[in-house]
Every structure is written in C-alpha cells, then in structure tokens.
Amino acid sequence: MLMARRRTLYLPSLLGTLVVAVLMACAVALLTVSEKAEATFPGQNGRIAYSGYDGNDYEIYTINSRGGDKFQVTNNNRDDYSPSYSPGGKRIAYVGFDRTDAEIYTIRVGGRGETKLTHNNAEEAAPSYSPDGKRIAYMVSEGNATGHTEIYTINIGGGGKTKVTTGGQPSYSPDGKKIVYWDYLKTAANPHPDTEIYTINVGGDGKTQLTHNNTDEFTPDYSPDGKRIVFAGLAGLERNNAESDIYKINAVGGRKIQLTHNNKYDTYPSYSPNGKKIAYTESKGNAIRGDIYTINAFAGDKTKLTRDNADEYAPSWGSRP
C-alpha cells in the first residue's frame, strides 16, 4: 500500500503537524500536500490542469473548459500535484513527491519532456511561471515545527535560485513586476497568527499587505489584466477546520468581495485567461474528496466540471497554445 501525505493548505499553524494518513478500508491514501499557486496569463481560454487521484497516487490531468476530453499528463509511482501552466500553455510546472522529498518539475502538456528543476532535501511547493516564461516562483518549507516558509525564484532550466521573501503560495502579476502571496507576523504575543494576502516586487522590496482581518487567507491568483486578486478565505482559522469561500479584492487592496457562499471548502481559485471565469476546488473539508468547478468572475453560474469518484483539486487554467 502506498502512503501519501494528507492534503493540507500548508499554513503556518499546520506546518509542524503534517500527518501521514492511509485509508485502510479501500487501501486509498488521502492526498499529498497541496500547495497551489499559479499565475493566469491573458489569452484565449485553453485547458484546465489539475491533480487527481488514480487509485494508486496523484497525477496531473487536463480537461477542456466544459469538463470533457480528460487527458493524463503524468504517469508514475509518485504523487504529482500543484500544476501551473506556462504563459504559452505548452508546459506545466508541478510538484513531484516520491514519499521522501518534494521537488519542482516541468513537463510538456502532451506528457513528455519532464525536467526536474530543484535538487535538495527541502520541501518545495506551489510553482508559478513568470509572464515571460523564463523563471518560476515557488515556496520552500523547512518541514519542521517552526512553520517557517520562504519564497524563491529559479530559472526554468534550473539554477539561478534567488530568495524573494518569507511566506507562501506565490503567483506572478501579469506584467511580471510583482508577486502575490500569503504571509503572517508571528510574535510572542501572537504565536499563532492568521495568514494575510500581500504583494511584493520581484526584487524583494515594496511589500504591501492587502487584507487585514483575523481569518486565514491563502491561494491567491492575479486576474489576467492585473487589476484584481482572487483568493480563498476561511470563516475563521485553518487550525479550527473552518469552512472556506472564494473572494476577490482589488490588486491595491480595499474591500473584499465574496464570490461563493456555502458550507463547503472552496479553495485554489484560478482565473480563466479571458478573465471572465474562475476555476476552483470544492470539497467537504481539507482532506475530503474534491471536484473542479467554475463560476463567473462576478459570481454566479456555478458549473461542475469533474464527476469522477476521486479526489480532484488545484486547477490551473491555461491559455490556448
């Protein structure tokens, strides 16, 4: 029986308590760590990539925008998750976890030409292509109880690793000048802070906090025109297993607008390249089977895309090549 890590959002309150979970009844393991972050680039709507369980492990799949024509991109004996389309829609960056280590990979959308970008014992997650397709931003966890994470960028061929800031789940702005991400301020008075949404210049300066509240917010994604940011927000804190909905906010901050309203766990939003729709994951909890849905960018017209009896999550909406 294969063992996979339980799906979690990798927020700081949970980093020191990741668990290995195995379902004995059906010999199916619950999901790997799912650190979704990816940029949506302007263009014609293409296919949607996501991670799905195949009965043995998690692989990367793509479907069309109506939910049909399912295609398996990766096929191996490790867990592959957190897909992110390249600007031209021809490659996908993702995380590969071989039960001991998580590294960043890229692959052609047809399933060939896999390239391993990182080679170390740290835990990498949440890859996101830059708009020019030359670099990938991602997060690194120390994998211990400190809950410390950092954001780096790397060349698409590997090498040139550069630290940007602390925090997690980076996503480039469409002009390539900024990165949106979550971060938190841990103090002696507040040892378990909530996560908020920030932006920062790619050079590591100009950090700006966009959200200000006492709930966890995460998995941000820029709109294709760079004017708005969509993200998942909890009705409380992740450590309390609060429900989550999808929100959007102006890229400079301001009032957040709630797009989904239910008692489910809505996460991993991704704008369509034309900016009119948002793909996301809906599940009953952060470790329970999810499906891929879309809604209008201004809310409404909810559509279910996946209907398999499997866990499917973390969509990335690519441009048509």
C-alpha atoms as a PDB file:
ATOM      1  CA  MET A   1       0.000   0.000   0.000  1.00  0.00           C
ATOM      2  CA  LEU A   2       1.336   3.373  -0.961  1.00  0.00           C
ATOM      3  CA  MET A   3       1.449   6.145   1.586  1.00  0.00           C
ATOM      4  CA  ALA A   4       0.679   9.752   0.755  1.00  0.00           C
ATOM      5  CA  ARG A   5       0.594  12.847   2.859  1.00  0.00           C
ATOM      6  CA  ARG A   6      -2.770  14.261   3.872  1.00  0.00           C
ATOM      7  CA  ARG A   7      -3.934  17.201   1.787  1.00  0.00           C
ATOM      8  CA  THR A   8      -3.463  20.421   3.719  1.00  0.00           C
ATOM      9  CA  LEU A   9      -3.076  24.066   2.868  1.00  0.00           C
ATOM     10  CA  TYR A  10       0.345  24.252   4.441  1.00  0.00           C
ATOM     11  CA  LEU A  11      -0.488  27.300   6.517  1.00  0.00           C
ATOM     12  CA  PRO A  12       1.952  28.056   9.347  1.00  0.00           C
ATOM     13  CA  SER A  13      -0.299  26.703  12.071  1.00  0.00           C
ATOM     14  CA  LEU A  14      -0.177  23.276  10.397  1.00  0.00           C
ATOM     15  CA  LEU A  15       3.384  23.056   9.136  1.00  0.00           C
ATOM     16  CA  GLY A  16       4.673  21.244  12.180  1.00  0.00           C
ATOM     17  CA  THR A  17       1.827  18.746  12.285  1.00  0.00           C
ATOM     18  CA  LEU A  18       1.620  17.245   8.786  1.00  0.00           C
ATOM     19  CA  VAL A  19       0.400  13.682   9.098  1.00  0.00           C
ATOM     20  CA  VAL A  20       0.748  10.529   7.050  1.00  0.00           C
ATOM     21  CA  ALA A  21      -2.740   9.117   6.546  1.00  0.00           C
ATOM     22  CA  VAL A  22      -3.722   5.835   4.978  1.00  0.00           C
ATOM     23  CA  LEU A  23      -7.293   4.663   4.396  1.00  0.00           C
ATOM     24  CA  MET A  24      -7.344   1.009   5.385  1.00  0.00           C
ATOM     25  CA  ALA A  25     -10.850   0.266   4.107  1.00  0.00           C
ATOM     26  CA  CYS A  26     -10.194   0.808   0.414  1.00  0.00           C
ATOM     27  CA  ALA A  27      -6.394   0.959   0.509  1.00  0.00           C
ATOM     28  CA  VAL A  28      -6.590   4.509  -0.803  1.00  0.00           C
ATOM     29  CA  ALA A  29      -4.340   7.176   0.650  1.00  0.00           C
ATOM     30  CA  LEU A  30      -5.515  10.685   1.345  1.00  0.00           C
ATOM     31  CA  LEU A  31      -3.941  13.439  -0.626  1.00  0.00           C
ATOM     32  CA  THR A  32      -0.454  14.818  -0.716  1.00  0.00           C
ATOM     33  CA  VAL A  33       0.412  18.272   0.496  1.00  0.00           C
ATOM     34  CA  SER A  34      -1.297  20.625  -1.911  1.00  0.00           C
ATOM     35  CA  GLU A  35       0.440  23.914  -2.256  1.00  0.00           C
ATOM     36  CA  LYS A  36      -1.340  25.519  -5.107  1.00  0.00           C
ATOM     37  CA  ALA A  37      -0.146  28.753  -6.603  1.00  0.00           C
ATOM     38  CA  GLU A  38      -0.039  29.773 -10.224  1.00  0.00           C
ATOM     39  CA  ALA A  39      -0.399  32.786 -12.436  1.00  0.00           C
ATOM     40  CA  THR A  40      -3.115  33.190 -15.078  1.00  0.00           C
ATOM     41  CA  PHE A  41      -1.923  34.933 -18.224  1.00  0.00           C
ATOM     42  CA  PRO A  42      -4.080  36.856 -20.729  1.00  0.00           C
ATOM     43  CA  GLY A  43      -5.246  34.987 -23.827  1.00  0.00           C
ATOM     44  CA  GLN A  44      -7.901  32.687 -25.212  1.00  0.00           C
ATOM     45  CA  ASN A  45      -9.239  30.142 -22.762  1.00  0.00           C
ATOM     46  CA  GLY A  46      -7.452  26.812 -23.050  1.00  0.00           C
ATOM     47  CA  ARG A  47      -7.482  23.656 -20.974  1.00  0.00           C
ATOM     48  CA  ILE A  48      -7.595  23.298 -17.203  1.00  0.00           C
ATOM     49  CA  ALA A  49      -4.893  21.296 -15.427  1.00  0.00           C
ATOM     50  CA  TYR A  50      -5.438  19.741 -12.014  1.00  0.00           C
ATOM     51  CA  SER A  51      -4.235  16.958  -9.728  1.00  0.00           C
ATOM     52  CA  GLY A  52      -6.345  13.823  -9.460  1.00  0.00           C
ATOM     53  CA  TYR A  53      -6.139  10.507  -7.638  1.00  0.00           C
ATOM     54  CA  ASP A  54      -5.902   7.482  -9.975  1.00  0.00           C
ATOM     55  CA  GLY A  55      -6.372   4.763  -7.352  1.00  0.00           C
ATOM     56  CA  ASN A  56      -2.652   4.498  -6.709  1.00  0.00           C
ATOM     57  CA  ASP A  57      -1.292   8.024  -6.417  1.00  0.00           C
ATOM     58  CA  TYR A  58      -1.934  11.595  -7.601  1.00  0.00           C
ATOM     59  CA  GLU A  59      -1.221  12.524 -11.222  1.00  0.00           C
ATOM     60  CA  ILE A  60      -1.612  15.662 -13.344  1.00  0.00           C
ATOM     61  CA  TYR A  61      -4.581  15.740 -15.732  1.00  0.00           C
ATOM     62  CA  THR A  62      -6.101  18.275 -18.096  1.00  0.00           C
ATOM     63  CA  ILE A  63      -9.695  18.788 -19.273  1.00  0.00           C
ATOM     64  CA  ASN A  64     -11.363  21.267 -21.581  1.00  0.00           C
ATOM     65  CA  SER A  65     -13.276  24.226 -20.161  1.00  0.00           C
ATOM     66  CA  ARG A  66     -16.550  22.247 -20.237  1.00  0.00           C
ATOM     67  CA  GLY A  67     -15.089  19.336 -18.270  1.00  0.00           C
ATOM     68  CA  GLY A  68     -14.633  16.868 -21.128  1.00  0.00           C
ATOM     69  CA  ASP A  69     -11.720  15.342 -23.063  1.00  0.00           C
ATOM     70  CA  LYS A  70      -9.797  14.282 -19.936  1.00  0.00           C
ATOM     71  CA  PHE A  71      -6.082  13.659 -20.601  1.00  0.00           C
ATOM     72  CA  GLN A  72      -3.483  12.235 -18.214  1.00  0.00           C
ATOM     73  CA  VAL A  73      -0.230  14.223 -18.363  1.00  0.00           C
ATOM     74  CA  THR A  74       1.942  12.419 -15.779  1.00  0.00           C
ATOM     75  CA  ASN A  75       2.053   8.671 -15.181  1.00  0.00           C
ATOM     76  CA  ASN A  76       4.416   7.404 -12.499  1.00  0.00           C
ATOM     77  CA  ASN A  77       4.574   5.993  -8.971  1.00  0.00           C
ATOM     78  CA  ARG A  78       4.847   9.285  -7.094  1.00  0.00           C
ATOM     79  CA  ASP A  79       2.348  11.991  -6.165  1.00  0.00           C
ATOM     80  CA  ASP A  80       2.212  14.876  -8.674  1.00  0.00           C
ATOM     81  CA  TYR A  81       0.243  17.987  -7.725  1.00  0.00           C
ATOM     82  CA  SER A  82       0.046  21.790  -7.760  1.00  0.00           C
ATOM     83  CA  PRO A  83       0.079  22.267 -11.575  1.00  0.00           C
ATOM     84  CA  SER A  84       0.804  25.665 -13.125  1.00  0.00           C
ATOM     85  CA  TYR A  85       0.571  26.421 -16.854  1.00  0.00           C
ATOM     86  CA  SER A  86       3.339  28.265 -18.680  1.00  0.00           C
ATOM     87  CA  PRO A  87       2.344  31.578 -20.352  1.00  0.00           C
ATOM     88  CA  GLY A  88       2.044  29.978 -23.788  1.00  0.00           C
ATOM     89  CA  GLY A  89       0.115  26.975 -22.496  1.00  0.00           C
ATOM     90  CA  LYS A  90       2.693  24.473 -23.752  1.00  0.00           C
ATOM     91  CA  ARG A  91       4.259  23.320 -20.463  1.00  0.00           C
ATOM     92  CA  ILE A  92       3.089  22.689 -16.917  1.00  0.00           C
ATOM     93  CA  ALA A  93       5.122  23.183 -13.758  1.00  0.00           C
ATOM     94  CA  TYR A  94       4.171  20.974 -10.818  1.00  0.00           C
ATOM     95  CA  VAL A  95       5.395  19.306  -7.637  1.00  0.00           C
ATOM     96  CA  GLY A  96       6.524  15.682  -7.574  1.00  0.00           C
ATOM     97  CA  PHE A  97       6.596  13.885  -4.210  1.00  0.00           C
ATOM     98  CA  ASP A  98       8.310  10.471  -4.087  1.00  0.00           C
ATOM     99  CA  ARG A  99       7.267   9.749  -0.464  1.00  0.00           C
ATOM    100  CA  THR A 100      10.517  11.229   0.870  1.00  0.00           C
ATOM    101  CA  ASP A 101      11.055  14.557  -0.901  1.00  0.00           C
ATOM    102  CA  ALA A 102       9.027  17.142  -2.860  1.00  0.00           C
ATOM    103  CA  GLU A 103      10.690  18.809  -5.872  1.00  0.00           C
ATOM    104  CA  ILE A 104       9.648  21.154  -8.703  1.00  0.00           C
ATOM    105  CA  TYR A 105       9.279  19.722 -12.225  1.00  0.00           C
ATOM    106  CA  THR A 106       8.057  20.909 -15.612  1.00  0.00           C
ATOM    107  CA  ILE A 107       6.594  18.815 -18.425  1.00  0.00           C
ATOM    108  CA  ARG A 108       5.086  19.323 -21.881  1.00  0.00           C
ATOM    109  CA  VAL A 109       1.283  19.334 -21.898  1.00  0.00           C
ATOM    110  CA  GLY A 110       1.402  16.165 -24.013  1.00  0.00           C
ATOM    111  CA  GLY A 111       3.200  14.311 -21.227  1.00  0.00           C
ATOM    112  CA  ARG A 112       6.803  14.256 -22.487  1.00  0.00           C
ATOM    113  CA  GLY A 113       9.950  16.230 -21.785  1.00  0.00           C
ATOM    114  CA  GLU A 114       9.861  16.156 -17.990  1.00  0.00           C
ATOM    115  CA  THR A 115      12.536  18.358 -16.393  1.00  0.00           C
ATOM    116  CA  LYS A 116      13.458  18.362 -12.698  1.00  0.00           C
ATOM    117  CA  LEU A 117      14.335  21.893 -11.558  1.00  0.00           C
ATOM    118  CA  THR A 118      15.183  21.511  -7.863  1.00  0.00           C
ATOM    119  CA  HIS A 119      17.554  19.003  -6.284  1.00  0.00           C
ATOM    120  CA  ASN A 120      17.738  19.156  -2.495  1.00  0.00           C
ATOM    121  CA  ASN A 121      16.256  17.865   0.755  1.00  0.00           C
ATOM    122  CA  ALA A 122      13.995  20.858   1.384  1.00  0.00           C
ATOM    123  CA  GLU A 123      10.295  20.675   0.652  1.00  0.00           C
ATOM    124  CA  GLU A 124       9.358  22.749  -2.397  1.00  0.00           C
ATOM    125  CA  ALA A 125       5.796  23.579  -3.401  1.00  0.00           C
ATOM    126  CA  ALA A 126       3.471  25.959  -5.261  1.00  0.00           C
ATOM    127  CA  PRO A 127       5.309  26.689  -8.550  1.00  0.00           C
ATOM    128  CA  SER A 128       4.209  29.693 -10.628  1.00  0.00           C
ATOM    129  CA  TYR A 129       5.591  30.741 -14.029  1.00  0.00           C
ATOM    130  CA  SER A 130       6.693  34.312 -14.693  1.00  0.00           C
ATOM    131  CA  PRO A 131       4.870  36.053 -17.598  1.00  0.00           C
ATOM    132  CA  ASP A 132       7.947  35.869 -19.848  1.00  0.00           C
ATOM    133  CA  GLY A 133       8.233  32.144 -19.122  1.00  0.00           C
ATOM    134  CA  LYS A 134      11.853  32.421 -18.009  1.00  0.00           C
ATOM    135  CA  ARG A 135      11.520  31.899 -14.256  1.00  0.00           C
ATOM    136  CA  ILE A 136       9.349  30.041 -11.766  1.00  0.00           C
ATOM    137  CA  ALA A 137       8.459  31.259  -8.278  1.00  0.00           C
ATOM    138  CA  TYR A 138       7.825  28.675  -5.569  1.00  0.00           C
ATOM    139  CA  MET A 139       7.807  28.208  -1.806  1.00  0.00           C
ATOM    140  CA  VAL A 140      10.162  26.243   0.416  1.00  0.00           C
ATOM    141  CA  SER A 141       9.334  24.789   3.813  1.00  0.00           C
ATOM    142  CA  GLU A 142      11.792  23.725   6.468  1.00  0.00           C
ATOM    143  CA  GLY A 143       9.491  20.795   7.120  1.00  0.00           C
ATOM    144  CA  ASN A 144       9.557  21.098  10.881  1.00  0.00           C
ATOM    145  CA  ALA A 145       7.565  22.626  13.718  1.00  0.00           C
ATOM    146  CA  THR A 146       8.805  26.187  13.152  1.00  0.00           C
ATOM    147  CA  GLY A 147       6.262  26.803  10.413  1.00  0.00           C
ATOM    148  CA  HIS A 148       8.852  28.864   8.512  1.00  0.00           C
ATOM    149  CA  THR A 149       8.424  29.165   4.745  1.00  0.00           C
ATOM    150  CA  GLU A 150      10.249  31.232   2.135  1.00  0.00           C
ATOM    151  CA  ILE A 151       9.613  32.209  -1.483  1.00  0.00           C
ATOM    152  CA  TYR A 152      12.268  31.772  -4.183  1.00  0.00           C
ATOM    153  CA  THR A 153      12.519  32.086  -7.944  1.00  0.00           C
ATOM    154  CA  ILE A 154      14.516  29.825 -10.249  1.00  0.00           C
ATOM    155  CA  ASN A 155      15.356  29.658 -13.962  1.00  0.00           C
ATOM    156  CA  ILE A 156      13.080  27.355 -15.985  1.00  0.00           C
ATOM    157  CA  GLY A 157      16.083  25.168 -16.746  1.00  0.00           C
ATOM    158  CA  GLY A 158      17.125  25.075 -13.105  1.00  0.00           C
ATOM    159  CA  GLY A 159      19.768  27.228 -11.427  1.00  0.00           C
ATOM    160  CA  GLY A 160      19.750  30.909 -10.562  1.00  0.00           C
ATOM    161  CA  LYS A 161      17.871  30.341  -7.299  1.00  0.00           C
ATOM    162  CA  THR A 162      17.011  33.693  -5.678  1.00  0.00           C
ATOM    163  CA  LYS A 163      15.214  34.362  -2.405  1.00  0.00           C
ATOM    164  CA  VAL A 164      12.380  36.898  -2.595  1.00  0.00           C
ATOM    165  CA  THR A 165      10.747  36.948   0.848  1.00  0.00           C
ATOM    166  CA  THR A 166       9.135  34.853   3.561  1.00  0.00           C
ATOM    167  CA  GLY A 167       5.648  33.437   3.092  1.00  0.00           C
ATOM    168  CA  GLY A 168       3.981  31.014   0.717  1.00  0.00           C
ATOM    169  CA  GLN A 169       1.973  30.303  -2.434  1.00  0.00           C
ATOM    170  CA  PRO A 170       3.489  32.913  -4.789  1.00  0.00           C
ATOM    171  CA  SER A 171       1.808  33.996  -8.022  1.00  0.00           C
ATOM    172  CA  TYR A 172       3.226  36.496 -10.540  1.00  0.00           C
ATOM    173  CA  SER A 173       1.377  39.584 -11.686  1.00  0.00           C
ATOM    174  CA  PRO A 174       0.707  39.619 -15.459  1.00  0.00           C
ATOM    175  CA  ASP A 175       3.318  42.365 -16.016  1.00  0.00           C
ATOM    176  CA  GLY A 176       5.922  40.332 -14.126  1.00  0.00           C
ATOM    177  CA  LYS A 177       6.715  43.141 -11.688  1.00  0.00           C
ATOM    178  CA  LYS A 178       5.048  41.791  -8.550  1.00  0.00           C
ATOM    179  CA  ILE A 179       4.286  38.559  -6.730  1.00  0.00           C
ATOM    180  CA  VAL A 180       1.164  37.990  -4.639  1.00  0.00           C
ATOM    181  CA  TYR A 181       1.417  35.537  -1.737  1.00  0.00           C
ATOM    182  CA  TRP A 182       0.383  34.898   1.861  1.00  0.00           C
ATOM    183  CA  ASP A 183       2.433  35.715   4.921  1.00  0.00           C
ATOM    184  CA  TYR A 184       1.966  36.167   8.655  1.00  0.00           C
ATOM    185  CA  LEU A 185       3.548  38.054  11.539  1.00  0.00           C
ATOM    186  CA  LYS A 186       4.450  35.743  14.395  1.00  0.00           C
ATOM    187  CA  THR A 187       5.151  37.449  17.718  1.00  0.00           C
ATOM    188  CA  ALA A 188       5.454  36.417  21.367  1.00  0.00           C
ATOM    189  CA  ALA A 189       2.030  37.912  21.985  1.00  0.00           C
ATOM    190  CA  ASN A 190       0.562  36.165  18.928  1.00  0.00           C
ATOM    191  CA  PRO A 191       2.414  32.871  18.351  1.00  0.00           C
ATOM    192  CA  HIS A 192      -0.314  31.505  16.022  1.00  0.00           C
ATOM    193  CA  PRO A 193      -1.215  34.394  13.713  1.00  0.00           C
ATOM    194  CA  ASP A 194      -3.598  34.259  10.777  1.00  0.00           C
ATOM    195  CA  THR A 195      -2.294  34.452   7.217  1.00  0.00           C
ATOM    196  CA  GLU A 196      -2.973  37.556   5.117  1.00  0.00           C
ATOM    197  CA  ILE A 197      -2.532  38.376   1.426  1.00  0.00           C
ATOM    198  CA  TYR A 198       0.480  40.509   0.429  1.00  0.00           C
ATOM    199  CA  THR A 199       2.180  41.694  -2.729  1.00  0.00           C
ATOM    200  CA  ILE A 200       5.878  42.369  -3.189  1.00  0.00           C
ATOM    201  CA  ASN A 201       8.159  43.490  -6.006  1.00  0.00           C
ATOM    202  CA  VAL A 202      10.011  40.595  -7.632  1.00  0.00           C
ATOM    203  CA  GLY A 203      13.277  42.049  -6.329  1.00  0.00           C
ATOM    204  CA  GLY A 204      12.078  41.593  -2.743  1.00  0.00           C
ATOM    205  CA  ASP A 205      11.157  45.186  -1.829  1.00  0.00           C
ATOM    206  CA  GLY A 206       7.858  47.054  -1.670  1.00  0.00           C
ATOM    207  CA  LYS A 207       5.927  44.571   0.497  1.00  0.00           C
ATOM    208  CA  THR A 208       2.260  45.612   0.787  1.00  0.00           C
ATOM    209  CA  GLN A 209      -0.437  43.996   2.928  1.00  0.00           C
ATOM    210  CA  LEU A 210      -3.789  43.759   1.109  1.00  0.00           C
ATOM    211  CA  THR A 211      -6.067  42.029   3.633  1.00  0.00           C
ATOM    212  CA  HIS A 212      -6.494  42.944   7.296  1.00  0.00           C
ATOM    213  CA  ASN A 213      -8.599  40.639   9.443  1.00  0.00           C
ATOM    214  CA  ASN A 214      -8.440  37.704  11.853  1.00  0.00           C
ATOM    215  CA  THR A 215      -9.053  34.873   9.414  1.00  0.00           C
ATOM    216  CA  ASP A 216      -6.717  32.806   7.243  1.00  0.00           C
ATOM    217  CA  GLU A 217      -6.483  33.772   3.560  1.00  0.00           C
ATOM    218  CA  PHE A 218      -4.426  31.883   1.002  1.00  0.00           C
ATOM    219  CA  THR A 219      -4.002  30.553  -2.600  1.00  0.00           C
ATOM    220  CA  PRO A 220      -4.041  33.986  -4.312  1.00  0.00           C
ATOM    221  CA  ASP A 221      -4.109  34.440  -8.109  1.00  0.00           C
ATOM    222  CA  TYR A 222      -3.951  37.628 -10.199  1.00  0.00           C
ATOM    223  CA  SER A 223      -6.607  38.364 -12.799  1.00  0.00           C
ATOM    224  CA  PRO A 224      -5.231  38.412 -16.373  1.00  0.00           C
ATOM    225  CA  ASP A 225      -5.445  42.239 -16.504  1.00  0.00           C
ATOM    226  CA  GLY A 226      -3.626  42.540 -13.167  1.00  0.00           C
ATOM    227  CA  LYS A 227      -6.381  44.639 -11.590  1.00  0.00           C
ATOM    228  CA  ARG A 228      -7.768  42.072  -9.146  1.00  0.00           C
ATOM    229  CA  ILE A 229      -6.642  39.183  -6.980  1.00  0.00           C
ATOM    230  CA  VAL A 230      -8.790  36.162  -6.207  1.00  0.00           C
ATOM    231  CA  PHE A 231      -8.094  34.036  -3.133  1.00  0.00           C
ATOM    232  CA  ALA A 232      -9.596  31.573  -0.681  1.00  0.00           C
ATOM    233  CA  GLY A 233     -10.597  32.847   2.740  1.00  0.00           C
ATOM    234  CA  LEU A 234     -11.691  30.987   5.813  1.00  0.00           C
ATOM    235  CA  ALA A 235     -14.590  31.862   8.071  1.00  0.00           C
ATOM    236  CA  GLY A 236     -12.101  31.527  10.915  1.00  0.00           C
ATOM    237  CA  LEU A 237      -8.760  29.757  11.169  1.00  0.00           C
ATOM    238  CA  GLU A 238      -7.373  26.721   9.340  1.00  0.00           C
ATOM    239  CA  ARG A 239      -6.350  25.040  12.578  1.00  0.00           C
ATOM    240  CA  ASN A 240     -10.033  25.090  13.624  1.00  0.00           C
ATOM    241  CA  ASN A 241     -11.076  23.442  10.331  1.00  0.00           C
ATOM    242  CA  ALA A 242     -13.219  26.433   9.386  1.00  0.00           C
ATOM    243  CA  GLU A 243     -15.071  26.425   6.059  1.00  0.00           C
ATOM    244  CA  SER A 244     -13.639  28.379   3.156  1.00  0.00           C
ATOM    245  CA  ASP A 245     -15.061  30.513   0.339  1.00  0.00           C
ATOM    246  CA  ILE A 246     -13.652  32.299  -2.712  1.00  0.00           C
ATOM    247  CA  TYR A 247     -13.115  36.076  -2.560  1.00  0.00           C
ATOM    248  CA  LYS A 248     -11.628  38.766  -4.766  1.00  0.00           C
ATOM    249  CA  ILE A 249     -10.038  42.111  -3.973  1.00  0.00           C
ATOM    250  CA  ASN A 250      -8.506  44.979  -5.940  1.00  0.00           C
ATOM    251  CA  ALA A 251      -4.803  44.451  -6.575  1.00  0.00           C
ATOM    252  CA  VAL A 252      -4.029  47.524  -4.440  1.00  0.00           C
ATOM    253  CA  GLY A 253      -6.259  46.375  -1.570  1.00  0.00           C
ATOM    254  CA  GLY A 254      -9.653  47.552  -0.383  1.00  0.00           C
ATOM    255  CA  ARG A 255     -12.939  45.803   0.314  1.00  0.00           C
ATOM    256  CA  LYS A 256     -13.016  42.099  -0.433  1.00  0.00           C
ATOM    257  CA  ILE A 257     -15.975  40.641  -2.343  1.00  0.00           C
ATOM    258  CA  GLN A 258     -17.261  37.133  -1.564  1.00  0.00           C
ATOM    259  CA  LEU A 259     -17.935  35.021  -4.653  1.00  0.00           C
ATOM    260  CA  THR A 260     -19.041  31.656  -3.211  1.00  0.00           C
ATOM    261  CA  HIS A 261     -21.474  31.126  -0.346  1.00  0.00           C
ATOM    262  CA  ASN A 262     -21.890  27.630   1.031  1.00  0.00           C
ATOM    263  CA  ASN A 263     -20.837  25.344   3.855  1.00  0.00           C
ATOM    264  CA  LYS A 264     -18.211  23.611   1.750  1.00  0.00           C
ATOM    265  CA  TYR A 265     -14.480  24.080   1.469  1.00  0.00           C
ATOM    266  CA  ASP A 266     -13.824  26.242  -1.627  1.00  0.00           C
ATOM    267  CA  THR A 267     -10.134  26.689  -2.424  1.00  0.00           C
ATOM    268  CA  TYR A 268      -7.481  27.044  -5.160  1.00  0.00           C
ATOM    269  CA  PRO A 269      -9.116  29.705  -7.379  1.00  0.00           C
ATOM    270  CA  SER A 270      -7.659  30.291 -10.851  1.00  0.00           C
ATOM    271  CA  TYR A 271      -8.821  32.948 -13.322  1.00  0.00           C
ATOM    272  CA  SER A 272      -9.574  31.996 -16.906  1.00  0.00           C
ATOM    273  CA  PRO A 273      -7.199  33.650 -19.426  1.00  0.00           C
ATOM    274  CA  ASN A 274     -10.023  35.886 -20.723  1.00  0.00           C
ATOM    275  CA  GLY A 275     -10.783  36.975 -17.139  1.00  0.00           C
ATOM    276  CA  LYS A 276     -14.479  36.078 -17.301  1.00  0.00           C
ATOM    277  CA  LYS A 277     -14.495  32.927 -15.162  1.00  0.00           C
ATOM    278  CA  ILE A 278     -12.751  31.386 -12.155  1.00  0.00           C
ATOM    279  CA  ALA A 279     -11.996  27.699 -11.687  1.00  0.00           C
ATOM    280  CA  TYR A 280     -11.713  26.359  -8.145  1.00  0.00           C
ATOM    281  CA  THR A 281     -11.959  23.260  -5.955  1.00  0.00           C
ATOM    282  CA  GLU A 282     -14.982  22.465  -3.817  1.00  0.00           C
ATOM    283  CA  SER A 283     -14.806  19.760  -1.147  1.00  0.00           C
ATOM    284  CA  LYS A 284     -16.407  18.881   2.162  1.00  0.00           C
ATOM    285  CA  GLY A 285     -13.163  19.503   4.042  1.00  0.00           C
ATOM    286  CA  ASN A 286      -9.446  19.990   3.524  1.00  0.00           C
ATOM    287  CA  ALA A 287      -8.830  16.223   3.337  1.00  0.00           C
ATOM    288  CA  ILE A 288     -12.068  15.028   1.716  1.00  0.00           C
ATOM    289  CA  ARG A 289     -12.678  14.359  -1.985  1.00  0.00           C
ATOM    290  CA  GLY A 290     -12.833  17.495  -4.094  1.00  0.00           C
ATOM    291  CA  ASP A 291     -14.175  18.385  -7.535  1.00  0.00           C
ATOM    292  CA  ILE A 292     -13.364  21.160 -10.009  1.00  0.00           C
ATOM    293  CA  TYR A 293     -15.972  23.894 -10.569  1.00  0.00           C
ATOM    294  CA  THR A 294     -16.146  27.199 -12.414  1.00  0.00           C
ATOM    295  CA  ILE A 295     -18.083  30.378 -11.641  1.00  0.00           C
ATOM    296  CA  ASN A 296     -18.346  33.767 -13.309  1.00  0.00           C
ATOM    297  CA  ALA A 297     -15.690  36.239 -12.202  1.00  0.00           C
ATOM    298  CA  PHE A 298     -18.502  38.389 -10.802  1.00  0.00           C
ATOM    299  CA  ALA A 299     -20.100  35.318  -9.104  1.00  0.00           C
ATOM    300  CA  GLY A 300     -22.920  33.091 -10.275  1.00  0.00           C
ATOM    301  CA  ASP A 301     -23.295  30.431 -12.992  1.00  0.00           C
ATOM    302  CA  LYS A 302     -21.624  27.703 -10.928  1.00  0.00           C
ATOM    303  CA  THR A 303     -20.690  24.704 -13.110  1.00  0.00           C
ATOM    304  CA  LYS A 304     -19.252  21.344 -12.025  1.00  0.00           C
ATOM    305  CA  LEU A 305     -16.518  20.081 -14.388  1.00  0.00           C
ATOM    306  CA  THR A 306     -15.305  16.816 -12.825  1.00  0.00           C
ATOM    307  CA  ARG A 307     -17.598  13.975 -11.816  1.00  0.00           C
ATOM    308  CA  ASP A 308     -15.243  11.088 -11.146  1.00  0.00           C
ATOM    309  CA  ASN A 309     -15.429   9.306  -7.824  1.00  0.00           C
ATOM    310  CA  ALA A 310     -11.936  10.544  -6.970  1.00  0.00           C
ATOM    311  CA  ASP A 311     -10.217  13.495  -5.351  1.00  0.00           C
ATOM    312  CA  GLU A 312      -9.555  16.220  -7.944  1.00  0.00           C
ATOM    313  CA  TYR A 313      -8.242  19.612  -6.967  1.00  0.00           C
ATOM    314  CA  ALA A 314      -5.972  22.635  -7.531  1.00  0.00           C
ATOM    315  CA  PRO A 315      -6.951  23.778 -11.065  1.00  0.00           C
ATOM    316  CA  SER A 316      -4.729  25.908 -13.281  1.00  0.00           C
ATOM    317  CA  TRP A 317      -6.446  27.492 -16.296  1.00  0.00           C
ATOM    318  CA  GLY A 318      -4.089  27.661 -19.267  1.00  0.00           C
ATOM    319  CA  SER A 319      -4.099  29.765 -22.403  1.00  0.00           C
ATOM    320  CA  ARG A 320      -4.778  28.171 -25.762  1.00  0.00           C
ATOM    321  CA  PRO A 321      -1.366  27.473 -27.406  1.00  0.00           C
END
